[in-house]
Protein backbone atom coordinates (compact mmCIF):
# COMPACT_ATOMS: atom_id res chain seq x y z
CA MET A 1 0.18 -0.01 -0.02
CA ALA A 2 2.70 2.52 0.58
CA VAL A 3 4.63 1.57 -2.59
CA VAL A 4 1.09 2.44 -4.33
CA VAL A 5 0.89 5.87 -2.51
CA LEU A 6 4.54 6.66 -3.45
CA LYS A 7 3.85 6.23 -7.01
CA LYS A 8 0.93 8.44 -7.13
CA ARG A 9 3.11 11.08 -5.21
CA ASN A 10 5.55 10.87 -8.13
CA ILE A 11 2.93 11.29 -10.66
CA ARG A 12 1.68 14.35 -8.98
CA LEU A 13 5.13 15.77 -8.96
CA LEU A 14 5.60 14.84 -12.59
CA VAL A 15 2.47 16.56 -13.61
CA ILE A 16 3.35 19.41 -11.82
CA THR A 17 6.74 19.76 -13.32
CA ILE A 18 5.25 19.26 -16.73
CA LEU A 19 2.88 22.21 -16.21
CA LEU A 20 5.50 24.46 -14.76
CA LEU A 21 7.89 23.59 -17.87
CA GLY A 22 5.16 24.38 -20.13
CA LEU A 23 4.31 27.53 -18.47
CA THR A 24 7.87 28.69 -18.65
CA PHE A 25 8.09 27.83 -22.37
CA THR A 26 4.83 29.60 -23.31
CA VAL A 27 6.33 32.90 -21.34
CA LEU A 28 9.73 32.51 -23.25
CA ARG A 29 8.19 32.13 -26.63
CA SER A 30 5.80 35.14 -26.18
CA THR A 31 8.85 37.32 -24.84
CA ASN A 32 10.75 36.01 -27.83
CA SER A 33 7.51 37.02 -30.24
CA ASN A 34 7.19 40.52 -28.70
CA PHE A 35 11.09 41.19 -29.26
CA ALA A 36 11.14 39.89 -32.71
CA THR A 37 8.07 42.04 -33.63
CA SER A 38 9.17 45.28 -32.19
CA THR A 39 12.94 45.25 -33.41
CA PRO A 40 12.23 45.66 -37.20
CA ALA A 41 9.68 48.34 -36.60
CA SER A 42 12.32 50.17 -34.53
CA ASN A 43 15.14 49.58 -37.18
CA LYS A 44 12.68 50.91 -39.79
CA GLU A 45 11.73 54.03 -38.04
CA THR A 46 15.49 54.84 -37.26
CA THR A 47 16.25 54.29 -40.97
CA THR A 48 13.48 56.43 -42.33
CA ASP A 49 14.46 59.21 -40.00
CA GLN A 50 18.19 59.09 -40.99
CA ALA A 51 17.23 59.25 -44.58
CA LEU A 52 15.10 62.35 -44.21
CA VAL A 53 17.75 63.81 -42.21
CA ASP A 54 20.39 63.05 -44.74
CA TYR A 55 17.82 64.72 -47.71
CA GLU A 56 17.35 67.69 -45.92
CA SER A 57 20.78 68.60 -44.85
CA VAL A 58 22.33 68.18 -48.52
CA GLU A 59 21.87 71.22 -50.70
CA ASP A 60 21.38 70.02 -54.54
CA PRO A 61 24.05 72.08 -56.39
CA THR A 62 22.62 71.34 -59.91
CA LYS A 63 19.17 72.87 -59.30
CA VAL A 64 18.61 75.49 -61.73
CA ARG A 65 15.87 78.16 -62.16
CA VAL A 66 15.90 79.61 -65.65
CA GLY A 67 14.25 82.95 -66.61
CA VAL A 68 13.02 84.29 -70.02
CA VAL A 69 13.58 87.50 -71.80
CA GLY A 70 10.76 89.85 -72.37
CA ASP A 71 7.71 90.96 -70.57
CA SER A 72 6.63 87.50 -69.76
CA THR A 73 7.34 85.98 -66.31
CA GLY A 74 7.51 82.63 -67.63
CA GLU A 75 6.98 79.40 -65.75
CA ASP A 76 9.62 77.74 -63.08
CA GLY A 77 11.61 75.60 -65.35
CA SER A 78 13.28 74.08 -62.36
CA THR A 79 15.68 70.85 -63.48
CA THR A 80 18.34 68.74 -61.63
CA SER A 81 21.08 67.22 -63.23
CA GLY A 82 23.62 64.87 -61.96
CA SER A 83 24.85 61.46 -62.01
CA GLU A 84 23.65 58.41 -59.87
CA ASP A 85 26.51 59.18 -57.29
CA GLY A 86 25.28 62.99 -57.08
CA GLU A 87 28.19 64.61 -59.01
CA TYR A 88 26.95 67.49 -61.24
CA ASN A 89 26.84 66.51 -64.88
CA ALA A 90 26.92 69.49 -67.39
CA GLU A 91 26.23 67.30 -70.22
CA GLU A 92 22.97 66.07 -68.90
CA GLU A 93 21.94 69.61 -67.75
CA TYR A 94 22.78 71.08 -71.20
CA SER A 95 20.96 68.25 -72.91
CA MET A 96 17.80 68.68 -70.89
CA LEU A 97 17.82 72.69 -71.45
CA ILE A 98 18.30 72.34 -75.14
CA LYS A 99 15.44 69.63 -75.52
CA ALA A 100 13.15 71.13 -73.54
CA ASN A 101 13.63 74.86 -75.14
CA PRO A 102 14.01 75.73 -78.83
CA LEU A 103 15.79 79.14 -77.88
CA VAL A 104 18.39 79.26 -74.95
CA MET A 105 20.78 81.88 -74.28
CA PHE A 106 23.84 81.36 -72.27
CA SER A 107 24.83 84.57 -70.34
CA LYS A 108 26.61 86.58 -67.84
CA SER A 109 24.61 89.20 -65.83
CA TYR A 110 27.43 91.38 -65.58
CA CYS A 111 28.46 91.05 -69.39
CA PRO A 112 27.63 94.25 -71.30
CA PHE A 113 27.45 92.19 -74.89
CA SER A 114 25.18 89.44 -73.07
CA SER A 115 22.98 92.66 -71.66
CA GLY A 116 23.18 93.97 -75.19
CA LEU A 117 21.76 90.90 -77.06
CA LYS A 118 19.30 90.44 -74.42
CA GLU A 119 18.01 93.98 -74.84
CA LEU A 120 17.94 93.66 -78.67
CA LEU A 121 16.02 90.78 -78.78
CA ALA A 122 13.70 91.76 -75.98
CA GLU A 123 12.91 95.19 -77.56
CA TYR A 124 12.60 94.17 -81.02
CA PHE A 125 10.84 90.59 -81.31
CA ASP A 126 8.40 88.51 -79.53
CA PHE A 127 9.33 84.84 -79.37
CA ASP A 128 6.75 81.88 -78.37
CA PRO A 129 7.83 80.21 -76.67
CA PRO A 130 10.20 82.84 -75.23
CA ILE A 131 14.01 82.77 -75.13
CA VAL A 132 15.30 80.77 -71.96
CA VAL A 133 18.29 82.42 -70.18
CA VAL A 134 20.85 81.07 -68.10
CA GLU A 135 23.27 83.19 -66.30
CA LEU A 136 26.36 81.46 -65.81
CA ASP A 137 27.76 83.54 -63.10
CA GLN A 138 24.69 82.81 -60.94
CA HIS A 139 24.91 79.15 -61.69
CA SER A 140 26.27 77.01 -58.99
CA ASN A 141 28.05 74.96 -61.51
CA GLY A 142 28.52 77.89 -64.18
CA ARG A 143 32.14 77.10 -64.79
CA GLU A 144 31.65 73.40 -65.60
CA LEU A 145 28.68 74.01 -67.67
CA GLN A 146 30.42 76.76 -69.62
CA GLU A 147 33.41 74.55 -70.35
CA TYR A 148 31.35 72.01 -71.70
CA ILE A 149 29.19 74.43 -73.97
CA GLY A 150 32.65 75.50 -75.32
CA LYS A 151 33.32 72.27 -76.12
CA LYS A 152 29.79 71.01 -77.74
CA THR A 153 29.10 74.45 -79.51
CA GLY A 154 33.01 75.64 -80.38
CA ARG A 155 32.01 78.84 -78.61
CA LYS A 156 33.64 79.37 -75.20
CA THR A 157 32.54 83.17 -74.61
CA VAL A 158 28.96 84.50 -73.81
CA PRO A 159 26.48 85.31 -74.81
CA ASN A 160 26.00 82.05 -76.96
CA LEU A 161 22.62 81.74 -78.38
CA ILE A 162 21.45 78.14 -79.20
CA VAL A 163 18.51 77.81 -81.54
CA ASN A 164 17.22 74.28 -81.90
CA GLY A 165 20.22 72.65 -80.70
CA GLN A 166 22.83 74.88 -83.10
CA SER A 167 24.91 77.74 -81.64
CA LYS A 168 23.94 80.93 -83.96
CA GLY A 169 26.79 83.29 -82.39
CA GLY A 170 26.97 85.78 -79.96
CA PHE A 171 26.55 89.53 -79.84
CA ASP A 172 28.61 90.42 -82.87
CA ASP A 173 27.07 87.49 -85.00
CA LEU A 174 23.43 88.66 -84.18
CA HIS A 175 23.68 92.14 -84.15
CA GLN A 176 25.38 92.24 -87.64
CA LEU A 177 22.49 90.37 -88.66
CA TYR A 178 20.16 92.83 -87.09
CA ARG A 179 21.95 95.69 -88.73
CA MET A 180 21.52 94.29 -92.01
CA THR A 181 17.78 93.81 -91.27
CA ALA A 182 18.28 90.05 -91.75
CA LEU A 183 17.79 89.02 -88.06
CA TYR A 184 13.94 88.58 -88.42
CA ASN A 185 14.43 86.52 -91.45
CA SER A 186 17.14 84.16 -90.01
CA PHE A 187 14.91 83.67 -87.09
CA GLU A 188 12.25 82.45 -89.28
CA SER A 189 14.37 80.19 -91.10
CA TRP A 190 15.83 78.79 -87.95
CA SER A 191 12.51 77.90 -86.34
CA ALA A 192 11.68 74.80 -88.08
CA GLY A 193 8.20 75.12 -86.61
CA LYS A 194 9.50 74.87 -83.11
CA PHE A 195 9.02 78.61 -82.01
CA THR A 196 7.29 81.70 -83.71
CA VAL A 197 8.74 85.34 -84.09
CA VAL A 198 7.27 88.49 -84.34
CA LYS A 199 8.63 91.92 -85.24
CA LYS A 200 7.79 94.64 -82.44
CA LYS A 201 9.14 97.51 -84.29
CA GLU A 202 11.81 98.47 -86.72
CA LYS A 203 15.61 99.14 -86.39
CA PRO A 204 16.18 102.24 -84.40
CA GLY A 205 18.47 105.13 -85.25
CA VAL A 206 21.92 104.68 -83.78
CA ASN A 207 22.86 105.43 -79.95
CA SER A 208 26.43 105.26 -79.27
CA ASP A 209 25.63 104.80 -75.49
CA SER A 210 24.09 101.24 -76.11
CA PRO A 211 25.95 98.39 -77.52
CA THR A 212 23.25 97.33 -79.58
CA GLY A 213 23.25 100.67 -81.58
CA GLY A 214 19.93 101.47 -80.09
CA ASP A 215 18.24 102.88 -76.81
CA LEU A 216 17.77 99.47 -75.21
CA ASN A 217 17.04 98.81 -71.55
CA VAL A 218 15.34 95.49 -70.97
CA PRO A 219 16.34 93.58 -68.10
CA VAL A 220 16.31 89.69 -67.84
CA ILE A 221 13.25 88.96 -65.56
CA ALA A 222 14.86 85.97 -63.70
CA GLY A 223 18.18 83.95 -63.63
CA PRO A 224 19.16 80.72 -62.35
CA ASP A 225 19.88 80.24 -58.48
CA ALA A 226 23.39 81.19 -57.17
């Protein structure tokens, strides 16, 4: 009879032990599950925050706002140009500008010949779409862009007027056509249906104070970001 009681006691202890082990296993499993669930979320949140910080703290050196010559304020032609590693890409920016605009003038804000050509075209012609003017001295990568333009077009100085992807020269070239009353017809022949040009008024008398030979004073409305 004593042996029977001892066996029941052992069974009872065994059952209790099994229950305790099962309870411990359940607690451990629940703890591990909660840890596994919370860890990826924490990592994801940290990664996202870091990405936002990195994005907001790096100033994009390739952002350009281009303006137009004439009375129209134009639309914001913001573009970004760069390689995959973030380095500035002059070829890409030039290509984007030329493909998007049939008339592009590369200029410098302090250059009297650039100002003279902008004044001449704004005062005596209406273009649709208007000429896009890129002020290289106000461009954050103006030197690199000008070097590429020189290699691409064969013209290293400003102003440099690009019409449908082709350089038509600078102030001297275009002003000579203007003095010969051939500039309007030249633009018409260059347009290839990509833009229209309308004469606003006839050639003025000579004014020695103006590089264009006329009394012109029409500013560029907007230029690229510094």
